């Protein structure tokens, strides 16, 4: 999204949730950053999920937020505070280990921090969650049912076929 915004320069793009024709976010370049206008919220998404029996398989509001975090369009609310603490830890004369949770791995949070020579601990539960996500398969009948639940553009779910 960041590349697209940079290419279109002054135009606004709209991110929508095509399965339900819901406008999620409007974004446009602004100075050295971006202007982001959130068009809907978690509550609106919950209302939409009443139409589907497979809500755990559909993209959530958090998924949209994660995409924006990954692309650099938005930052964590506490990033400045974390950077300050990281600077203080850097002054210690010992090895520091980080143990990110599953979401921080999904969001590639630590790849943006430029920590010199980082050391990570991965808890078994986190490892298992990531492995499960990588190996998750969608069966044809589940894709069919999800397409039936979609109000618009159910054909987009064909991308989930393995």
N, C-alpha and C. Protein backbone atom coordinates (compact mmCIF):
# COMPACT_ATOMS: atom_id res chain seq x y z
N UNK A 1 0.83 -1.18 0.00
CA UNK A 1 0.00 0.00 0.00
C UNK A 1 0.88 1.25 0.00
N UNK A 2 1.99 1.19 0.71
CA UNK A 2 2.86 2.35 0.78
C UNK A 2 3.42 2.70 -0.60
N UNK A 3 3.81 1.69 -1.36
CA UNK A 3 4.32 1.93 -2.71
C UNK A 3 3.23 2.52 -3.59
N UNK A 4 2.03 1.96 -3.51
CA UNK A 4 0.92 2.48 -4.30
C UNK A 4 0.64 3.94 -3.96
N UNK A 5 0.63 4.26 -2.68
CA UNK A 5 0.39 5.65 -2.27
C UNK A 5 1.49 6.58 -2.80
N UNK A 6 2.73 6.10 -2.79
CA UNK A 6 3.82 6.92 -3.31
C UNK A 6 3.71 7.11 -4.82
N UNK A 7 3.23 6.09 -5.53
CA UNK A 7 3.10 6.18 -6.98
C UNK A 7 1.98 7.12 -7.41
N UNK A 8 0.88 7.13 -6.67
CA UNK A 8 -0.24 7.96 -7.10
C UNK A 8 -0.14 9.39 -6.60
N UNK A 9 0.85 9.65 -5.79
CA UNK A 9 1.18 11.00 -5.31
C UNK A 9 0.05 11.70 -4.56
N UNK A 10 -0.88 12.33 -5.23
CA UNK A 10 -1.87 13.15 -4.53
C UNK A 10 -3.24 12.51 -4.42
N UNK A 11 -3.43 11.37 -5.05
CA UNK A 11 -4.74 10.72 -5.03
C UNK A 11 -4.96 9.96 -3.73
N UNK A 12 -6.21 9.72 -3.45
CA UNK A 12 -6.62 8.95 -2.28
C UNK A 12 -6.95 7.54 -2.72
N UNK A 13 -6.56 6.55 -1.92
CA UNK A 13 -6.99 5.18 -2.19
C UNK A 13 -7.92 4.75 -1.07
N UNK A 14 -8.80 3.83 -1.40
CA UNK A 14 -9.75 3.30 -0.44
C UNK A 14 -9.53 1.80 -0.33
N UNK A 15 -9.36 1.34 0.89
CA UNK A 15 -9.26 -0.09 1.13
C UNK A 15 -10.64 -0.54 1.58
N UNK A 16 -11.18 -1.51 0.85
CA UNK A 16 -12.48 -2.00 1.26
C UNK A 16 -12.42 -3.49 1.56
N UNK A 17 -13.47 -3.96 2.17
CA UNK A 17 -13.63 -5.35 2.51
C UNK A 17 -14.57 -5.91 1.46
N UNK A 18 -14.02 -6.48 0.40
CA UNK A 18 -14.84 -6.78 -0.78
C UNK A 18 -15.94 -7.82 -0.56
N UNK A 19 -15.79 -8.68 0.44
CA UNK A 19 -16.83 -9.70 0.65
C UNK A 19 -18.13 -9.10 1.16
N UNK A 20 -18.04 -7.90 1.74
CA UNK A 20 -19.23 -7.25 2.30
C UNK A 20 -19.38 -5.82 1.82
N UNK A 21 -18.58 -5.40 0.84
CA UNK A 21 -18.66 -4.05 0.29
C UNK A 21 -18.59 -2.99 1.39
N UNK A 22 -17.62 -3.14 2.27
CA UNK A 22 -17.44 -2.23 3.39
C UNK A 22 -16.18 -1.40 3.19
N UNK A 23 -16.29 -0.10 3.28
CA UNK A 23 -15.12 0.78 3.19
C UNK A 23 -14.39 0.73 4.53
N UNK A 24 -13.12 0.35 4.50
CA UNK A 24 -12.34 0.21 5.73
C UNK A 24 -11.50 1.45 6.03
N UNK A 25 -10.69 1.84 5.04
CA UNK A 25 -9.70 2.90 5.26
C UNK A 25 -9.55 3.73 4.00
N UNK A 26 -9.43 5.04 4.19
CA UNK A 26 -9.01 5.93 3.10
C UNK A 26 -7.62 6.42 3.44
N UNK A 27 -6.74 6.47 2.44
CA UNK A 27 -5.36 6.90 2.69
C UNK A 27 -4.86 7.73 1.52
N UNK A 28 -4.02 8.71 1.86
CA UNK A 28 -3.37 9.53 0.83
C UNK A 28 -2.05 10.04 1.39
N UNK A 29 -1.09 10.31 0.50
CA UNK A 29 0.17 10.89 0.97
C UNK A 29 -0.06 12.27 1.57
N UNK A 30 0.73 12.61 2.58
CA UNK A 30 0.62 13.91 3.23
C UNK A 30 1.99 14.28 3.77
N UNK A 31 2.65 15.23 3.12
CA UNK A 31 4.00 15.63 3.57
C UNK A 31 4.95 14.45 3.48
N UNK A 32 5.65 14.17 4.57
CA UNK A 32 6.57 13.03 4.61
C UNK A 32 5.91 11.75 5.09
N UNK A 33 4.59 11.77 5.26
CA UNK A 33 3.89 10.60 5.76
C UNK A 33 2.61 10.37 4.99
N UNK A 34 1.61 9.92 5.70
CA UNK A 34 0.34 9.57 5.08
C UNK A 34 -0.80 10.04 5.97
N UNK A 35 -1.90 10.40 5.33
CA UNK A 35 -3.12 10.72 6.05
C UNK A 35 -3.99 9.48 5.98
N UNK A 36 -4.37 8.95 7.12
CA UNK A 36 -5.18 7.73 7.20
C UNK A 36 -6.51 8.09 7.86
N UNK A 37 -7.60 7.74 7.21
CA UNK A 37 -8.92 7.95 7.76
C UNK A 37 -9.61 6.59 7.86
N UNK A 38 -9.80 6.11 9.08
CA UNK A 38 -10.45 4.82 9.30
C UNK A 38 -11.95 5.01 9.13
N UNK A 39 -12.53 4.23 8.22
CA UNK A 39 -13.93 4.38 7.86
C UNK A 39 -14.87 3.48 8.66
N UNK A 40 -14.33 2.42 9.24
CA UNK A 40 -15.16 1.51 10.02
C UNK A 40 -14.35 1.03 11.22
N UNK A 41 -14.97 0.23 12.06
CA UNK A 41 -14.26 -0.21 13.26
C UNK A 41 -14.59 -1.67 13.57
N UNK A 42 -14.06 -2.14 14.67
CA UNK A 42 -14.24 -3.53 15.08
C UNK A 42 -15.72 -3.88 15.22
N UNK A 43 -16.50 -2.97 15.76
CA UNK A 43 -17.93 -3.24 15.97
C UNK A 43 -18.66 -3.46 14.64
N UNK A 44 -18.32 -2.68 13.64
CA UNK A 44 -18.94 -2.85 12.32
C UNK A 44 -18.58 -4.22 11.76
N UNK A 45 -17.31 -4.64 11.94
CA UNK A 45 -16.88 -5.94 11.47
C UNK A 45 -17.65 -7.06 12.18
N UNK A 46 -17.86 -6.91 13.48
CA UNK A 46 -18.60 -7.93 14.23
C UNK A 46 -20.02 -8.08 13.70
N UNK A 47 -20.64 -6.96 13.35
CA UNK A 47 -22.00 -7.01 12.79
C UNK A 47 -22.00 -7.77 11.47
N UNK A 48 -21.00 -7.56 10.64
CA UNK A 48 -20.92 -8.26 9.36
C UNK A 48 -20.76 -9.75 9.54
N UNK A 49 -20.05 -10.14 10.58
CA UNK A 49 -19.79 -11.55 10.81
C UNK A 49 -21.04 -12.33 11.17
N UNK A 50 -22.12 -11.63 11.48
CA UNK A 50 -23.37 -12.32 11.76
C UNK A 50 -23.89 -13.04 10.51
N UNK A 51 -23.39 -12.63 9.32
CA UNK A 51 -23.82 -13.25 8.08
C UNK A 51 -23.10 -14.56 7.80
N UNK A 52 -22.01 -14.83 8.50
CA UNK A 52 -21.17 -15.97 8.17
C UNK A 52 -21.05 -16.95 9.33
N UNK A 53 -20.96 -18.21 8.97
CA UNK A 53 -20.70 -19.24 9.98
C UNK A 53 -19.20 -19.54 10.10
N UNK A 54 -18.38 -18.86 9.29
CA UNK A 54 -16.94 -19.11 9.26
C UNK A 54 -16.14 -17.85 9.57
N UNK A 55 -16.56 -17.12 10.57
CA UNK A 55 -15.91 -15.84 10.88
C UNK A 55 -14.45 -16.00 11.26
N UNK A 56 -14.07 -17.13 11.84
CA UNK A 56 -12.68 -17.31 12.23
C UNK A 56 -11.76 -17.47 11.02
N UNK A 57 -12.33 -17.72 9.85
CA UNK A 57 -11.53 -17.89 8.63
C UNK A 57 -11.47 -16.62 7.79
N UNK A 58 -12.33 -15.66 8.08
CA UNK A 58 -12.38 -14.44 7.28
C UNK A 58 -11.41 -13.39 7.82
N UNK A 59 -10.91 -12.51 6.95
CA UNK A 59 -10.04 -11.44 7.43
C UNK A 59 -10.75 -10.58 8.46
N UNK A 60 -10.03 -10.20 9.48
CA UNK A 60 -10.60 -9.40 10.56
C UNK A 60 -10.10 -7.96 10.47
N UNK A 61 -10.65 -7.13 11.33
CA UNK A 61 -10.19 -5.74 11.42
C UNK A 61 -8.71 -5.71 11.77
N UNK A 62 -8.29 -6.60 12.67
CA UNK A 62 -6.87 -6.68 13.04
C UNK A 62 -5.99 -7.06 11.86
N UNK A 63 -6.49 -7.91 10.96
CA UNK A 63 -5.72 -8.28 9.78
C UNK A 63 -5.41 -7.06 8.91
N UNK A 64 -6.38 -6.17 8.77
CA UNK A 64 -6.17 -4.94 8.00
C UNK A 64 -5.11 -4.08 8.72
N UNK A 65 -5.24 -3.98 10.02
CA UNK A 65 -4.26 -3.21 10.81
C UNK A 65 -2.87 -3.81 10.67
N UNK A 66 -2.76 -5.13 10.71
CA UNK A 66 -1.46 -5.79 10.57
C UNK A 66 -0.84 -5.49 9.21
N UNK A 67 -1.66 -5.48 8.17
CA UNK A 67 -1.14 -5.15 6.83
C UNK A 67 -0.56 -3.74 6.80
N UNK A 68 -1.25 -2.82 7.46
CA UNK A 68 -0.75 -1.44 7.49
C UNK A 68 0.52 -1.34 8.34
N UNK A 69 0.62 -2.10 9.41
CA UNK A 69 1.84 -2.12 10.22
C UNK A 69 3.00 -2.68 9.40
N UNK A 70 2.75 -3.78 8.70
CA UNK A 70 3.80 -4.41 7.90
C UNK A 70 4.30 -3.50 6.78
N UNK A 71 3.39 -2.75 6.19
CA UNK A 71 3.78 -1.88 5.07
C UNK A 71 4.41 -0.58 5.54
N UNK A 72 4.34 -0.30 6.85
CA UNK A 72 4.93 0.93 7.36
C UNK A 72 4.01 2.13 7.28
N UNK A 73 2.76 1.90 6.87
CA UNK A 73 1.80 3.00 6.78
C UNK A 73 1.48 3.53 8.17
N UNK A 74 1.34 2.64 9.13
CA UNK A 74 1.13 3.05 10.52
C UNK A 74 2.21 2.43 11.39
N UNK A 75 2.39 2.98 12.56
CA UNK A 75 3.37 2.47 13.52
C UNK A 75 2.65 2.06 14.80
N UNK A 76 3.34 1.31 15.62
CA UNK A 76 2.79 0.98 16.93
C UNK A 76 2.66 2.25 17.76
N UNK A 77 1.62 2.31 18.57
CA UNK A 77 1.40 3.47 19.42
C UNK A 77 2.54 3.70 20.39
N UNK A 78 3.18 2.64 20.84
CA UNK A 78 4.23 2.76 21.86
C UNK A 78 5.64 2.60 21.28
N UNK A 79 5.81 2.83 20.00
CA UNK A 79 7.11 2.60 19.36
C UNK A 79 8.20 3.53 19.93
N UNK A 80 7.91 4.78 20.16
CA UNK A 80 8.91 5.71 20.69
C UNK A 80 9.35 5.26 22.08
N UNK A 81 8.39 4.90 22.90
CA UNK A 81 8.70 4.43 24.25
C UNK A 81 9.55 3.15 24.20
N UNK A 82 9.19 2.24 23.30
CA UNK A 82 9.96 1.00 23.18
C UNK A 82 11.39 1.28 22.72
N UNK A 83 11.55 2.19 21.75
CA UNK A 83 12.89 2.56 21.26
C UNK A 83 13.75 3.13 22.39
N UNK A 84 13.13 3.93 23.25
CA UNK A 84 13.86 4.50 24.39
C UNK A 84 14.33 3.39 25.34
N UNK A 85 13.46 2.45 25.63
CA UNK A 85 13.83 1.33 26.49
C UNK A 85 14.90 0.46 25.83
N UNK A 86 14.79 0.30 24.54
CA UNK A 86 15.79 -0.47 23.80
C UNK A 86 17.15 0.20 23.87
N UNK A 87 17.18 1.52 23.79
CA UNK A 87 18.44 2.26 23.91
C UNK A 87 19.05 2.06 25.29
N UNK A 88 18.22 2.05 26.32
CA UNK A 88 18.72 1.83 27.68
C UNK A 88 19.27 0.41 27.82
N UNK A 89 18.61 -0.57 27.23
CA UNK A 89 19.09 -1.95 27.29
C UNK A 89 20.41 -2.11 26.55
N UNK A 90 20.58 -1.34 25.49
CA UNK A 90 21.80 -1.42 24.69
C UNK A 90 23.03 -1.02 25.49
N UNK A 91 22.84 -0.22 26.52
CA UNK A 91 23.96 0.25 27.34
C UNK A 91 24.40 -0.80 28.37
N UNK A 92 23.58 -1.82 28.59
CA UNK A 92 23.94 -2.87 29.53
C UNK A 92 25.02 -3.75 28.92
N UNK A 93 25.88 -4.25 29.75
CA UNK A 93 26.97 -5.09 29.26
C UNK A 93 26.58 -6.57 29.43
N UNK A 94 25.50 -6.95 28.76
CA UNK A 94 25.06 -8.34 28.82
C UNK A 94 24.18 -8.63 27.60
N UNK A 95 23.99 -9.90 27.36
CA UNK A 95 23.15 -10.32 26.24
C UNK A 95 21.68 -10.19 26.63
N UNK A 96 20.91 -9.59 25.75
CA UNK A 96 19.48 -9.41 25.96
C UNK A 96 18.74 -10.38 25.03
N UNK A 97 17.79 -11.10 25.59
CA UNK A 97 16.97 -12.02 24.81
C UNK A 97 15.56 -11.47 24.71
N UNK A 98 15.01 -11.56 23.50
CA UNK A 98 13.63 -11.15 23.25
C UNK A 98 12.80 -12.40 23.02
N UNK A 99 11.59 -12.41 23.55
CA UNK A 99 10.67 -13.54 23.38
C UNK A 99 9.35 -13.00 22.81
N UNK A 100 9.31 -12.73 21.49
CA UNK A 100 8.10 -12.16 20.89
C UNK A 100 6.94 -13.16 20.90
N UNK A 101 5.72 -12.63 20.99
CA UNK A 101 4.55 -13.49 20.87
C UNK A 101 4.24 -13.70 19.39
N UNK A 102 3.26 -14.51 19.13
CA UNK A 102 2.93 -14.87 17.74
C UNK A 102 2.61 -13.65 16.90
N UNK A 103 1.83 -12.71 17.44
CA UNK A 103 1.45 -11.53 16.68
C UNK A 103 2.66 -10.69 16.27
N UNK A 104 3.63 -10.56 17.14
CA UNK A 104 4.82 -9.78 16.79
C UNK A 104 5.59 -10.44 15.66
N UNK A 105 5.60 -11.77 15.61
CA UNK A 105 6.21 -12.46 14.47
C UNK A 105 5.41 -12.20 13.20
N UNK A 106 4.08 -12.34 13.27
CA UNK A 106 3.24 -12.11 12.10
C UNK A 106 3.41 -10.69 11.58
N UNK A 107 3.57 -9.74 12.47
CA UNK A 107 3.69 -8.34 12.09
C UNK A 107 5.12 -7.95 11.73
N UNK A 108 6.06 -8.88 11.85
CA UNK A 108 7.47 -8.62 11.56
C UNK A 108 7.99 -7.42 12.35
N UNK A 109 7.50 -7.29 13.57
CA UNK A 109 7.81 -6.12 14.39
C UNK A 109 9.31 -5.94 14.62
N UNK A 110 10.01 -7.00 14.93
CA UNK A 110 11.43 -6.87 15.26
C UNK A 110 12.30 -6.60 14.05
N UNK A 111 11.83 -6.92 12.86
CA UNK A 111 12.63 -6.65 11.66
C UNK A 111 12.72 -5.15 11.38
N UNK A 112 11.83 -4.37 11.96
CA UNK A 112 11.84 -2.91 11.74
C UNK A 112 12.70 -2.16 12.75
N UNK A 113 13.18 -2.86 13.77
CA UNK A 113 13.86 -2.18 14.87
C UNK A 113 15.37 -2.03 14.68
N UNK A 114 15.93 -2.73 13.73
CA UNK A 114 17.38 -2.66 13.49
C UNK A 114 18.19 -2.91 14.75
N UNK A 115 17.86 -3.97 15.46
CA UNK A 115 18.59 -4.33 16.67
C UNK A 115 19.88 -5.04 16.24
N UNK A 116 21.04 -4.52 16.66
CA UNK A 116 22.29 -5.19 16.28
C UNK A 116 22.44 -6.52 17.02
N UNK A 117 22.68 -7.59 16.26
CA UNK A 117 22.92 -8.91 16.83
C UNK A 117 21.84 -9.34 17.82
N UNK A 118 20.59 -9.41 17.38
CA UNK A 118 19.50 -9.75 18.31
C UNK A 118 19.51 -11.24 18.68
N UNK A 119 19.01 -11.53 19.85
CA UNK A 119 18.85 -12.91 20.33
C UNK A 119 17.39 -13.11 20.68
N UNK A 120 16.82 -14.20 20.15
CA UNK A 120 15.40 -14.47 20.35
C UNK A 120 15.19 -15.82 21.02
N UNK A 121 14.17 -15.87 21.84
CA UNK A 121 13.67 -17.12 22.40
C UNK A 121 12.27 -17.32 21.82
N UNK A 122 12.01 -18.52 21.32
CA UNK A 122 10.69 -18.80 20.76
C UNK A 122 10.04 -19.87 21.63
N UNK A 123 8.97 -19.48 22.28
CA UNK A 123 8.22 -20.39 23.14
C UNK A 123 7.55 -21.45 22.26
N UNK A 124 7.43 -22.67 22.77
CA UNK A 124 6.85 -23.77 21.99
C UNK A 124 5.46 -23.43 21.46
N UNK A 125 4.65 -22.77 22.26
CA UNK A 125 3.30 -22.41 21.84
C UNK A 125 3.34 -21.48 20.63
N UNK A 126 4.23 -20.52 20.64
CA UNK A 126 4.36 -19.59 19.51
C UNK A 126 4.81 -20.35 18.27
N UNK A 127 5.80 -21.20 18.43
CA UNK A 127 6.29 -22.00 17.30
C UNK A 127 5.15 -22.84 16.72
N UNK A 128 4.39 -23.50 17.59
CA UNK A 128 3.29 -24.35 17.14
C UNK A 128 2.20 -23.55 16.42
N UNK A 129 1.90 -22.35 16.91
CA UNK A 129 0.88 -21.51 16.26
C UNK A 129 1.33 -21.09 14.86
N UNK A 130 2.58 -20.73 14.74
CA UNK A 130 3.09 -20.31 13.42
C UNK A 130 3.13 -21.50 12.46
N UNK A 131 3.61 -22.63 12.94
CA UNK A 131 3.66 -23.82 12.10
C UNK A 131 2.26 -24.23 11.65
N UNK A 132 1.30 -24.18 12.54
CA UNK A 132 -0.08 -24.52 12.20
C UNK A 132 -0.63 -23.57 11.13
N UNK A 133 -0.33 -22.30 11.28
CA UNK A 133 -0.80 -21.30 10.31
C UNK A 133 -0.19 -21.55 8.94
N UNK A 134 1.07 -21.90 8.90
CA UNK A 134 1.75 -22.16 7.62
C UNK A 134 1.17 -23.39 6.94
N UNK A 135 0.85 -24.40 7.70
CA UNK A 135 0.38 -25.66 7.14
C UNK A 135 -1.14 -25.76 6.98
N UNK A 136 -1.86 -24.71 7.37
CA UNK A 136 -3.32 -24.73 7.31
C UNK A 136 -3.78 -24.86 5.86
N UNK A 137 -4.70 -25.77 5.65
CA UNK A 137 -5.26 -25.98 4.31
C UNK A 137 -6.75 -25.71 4.34
N UNK A 138 -7.27 -25.15 3.26
CA UNK A 138 -8.70 -24.93 3.12
C UNK A 138 -9.27 -26.04 2.23
N UNK A 139 -10.23 -26.75 2.75
CA UNK A 139 -10.86 -27.81 1.98
C UNK A 139 -11.90 -27.20 1.04
N UNK A 140 -12.10 -27.81 -0.13
CA UNK A 140 -13.04 -27.24 -1.11
C UNK A 140 -14.43 -26.95 -0.54
N UNK A 141 -14.95 -27.82 0.32
CA UNK A 141 -16.30 -27.57 0.86
C UNK A 141 -16.32 -26.34 1.76
N UNK A 142 -15.22 -26.07 2.48
CA UNK A 142 -15.16 -24.88 3.34
C UNK A 142 -15.12 -23.61 2.48
N UNK A 143 -14.34 -23.64 1.42
CA UNK A 143 -14.29 -22.48 0.52
C UNK A 143 -15.67 -22.24 -0.09
N UNK A 144 -16.34 -23.31 -0.50
CA UNK A 144 -17.69 -23.18 -1.06
C UNK A 144 -18.63 -22.52 -0.04
N UNK A 145 -18.60 -22.99 1.21
CA UNK A 145 -19.48 -22.44 2.24
C UNK A 145 -19.16 -20.97 2.52
N UNK A 146 -17.88 -20.62 2.54
CA UNK A 146 -17.49 -19.23 2.78
C UNK A 146 -17.97 -18.35 1.62
N UNK A 147 -17.87 -18.86 0.40
CA UNK A 147 -18.35 -18.10 -0.76
C UNK A 147 -19.86 -17.88 -0.69
N UNK A 148 -20.58 -18.86 -0.18
CA UNK A 148 -22.02 -18.73 -0.02
C UNK A 148 -22.36 -17.65 1.01
N UNK A 149 -21.53 -17.50 2.03
CA UNK A 149 -21.77 -16.51 3.08
C UNK A 149 -21.44 -15.09 2.62
N UNK A 150 -20.52 -14.96 1.68
CA UNK A 150 -20.09 -13.63 1.22
C UNK A 150 -21.24 -12.94 0.50
N UNK A 151 -21.45 -11.67 0.82
CA UNK A 151 -22.50 -10.91 0.15
C UNK A 151 -22.06 -10.41 -1.22
N UNK A 152 -20.75 -10.17 -1.39
CA UNK A 152 -20.19 -9.66 -2.64
C UNK A 152 -18.86 -10.35 -2.91
N UNK A 153 -18.50 -10.52 -4.13
CA UNK A 153 -17.17 -10.97 -4.58
C UNK A 153 -16.68 -12.25 -3.90
N UNK A 154 -17.55 -13.21 -3.75
CA UNK A 154 -17.15 -14.50 -3.19
C UNK A 154 -16.08 -15.18 -4.01
N UNK A 155 -15.98 -14.83 -5.29
CA UNK A 155 -14.96 -15.45 -6.15
C UNK A 155 -13.54 -15.17 -5.67
N UNK A 156 -13.37 -14.13 -4.88
CA UNK A 156 -12.04 -13.83 -4.34
C UNK A 156 -11.53 -14.94 -3.41
N UNK A 157 -12.44 -15.69 -2.83
CA UNK A 157 -12.07 -16.78 -1.93
C UNK A 157 -11.47 -17.96 -2.67
N UNK A 158 -11.61 -18.00 -3.99
CA UNK A 158 -10.97 -19.07 -4.78
C UNK A 158 -9.46 -19.03 -4.63
N UNK A 159 -8.91 -17.89 -4.23
CA UNK A 159 -7.47 -17.77 -4.01
C UNK A 159 -6.97 -18.67 -2.88
N UNK A 160 -7.89 -19.15 -2.04
CA UNK A 160 -7.52 -19.99 -0.91
C UNK A 160 -7.34 -21.44 -1.29
N UNK A 161 -7.67 -21.79 -2.52
CA UNK A 161 -7.56 -23.19 -2.96
C UNK A 161 -6.09 -23.59 -2.97
N UNK A 162 -5.85 -24.81 -2.47
CA UNK A 162 -4.47 -25.33 -2.42
C UNK A 162 -4.22 -26.24 -3.60
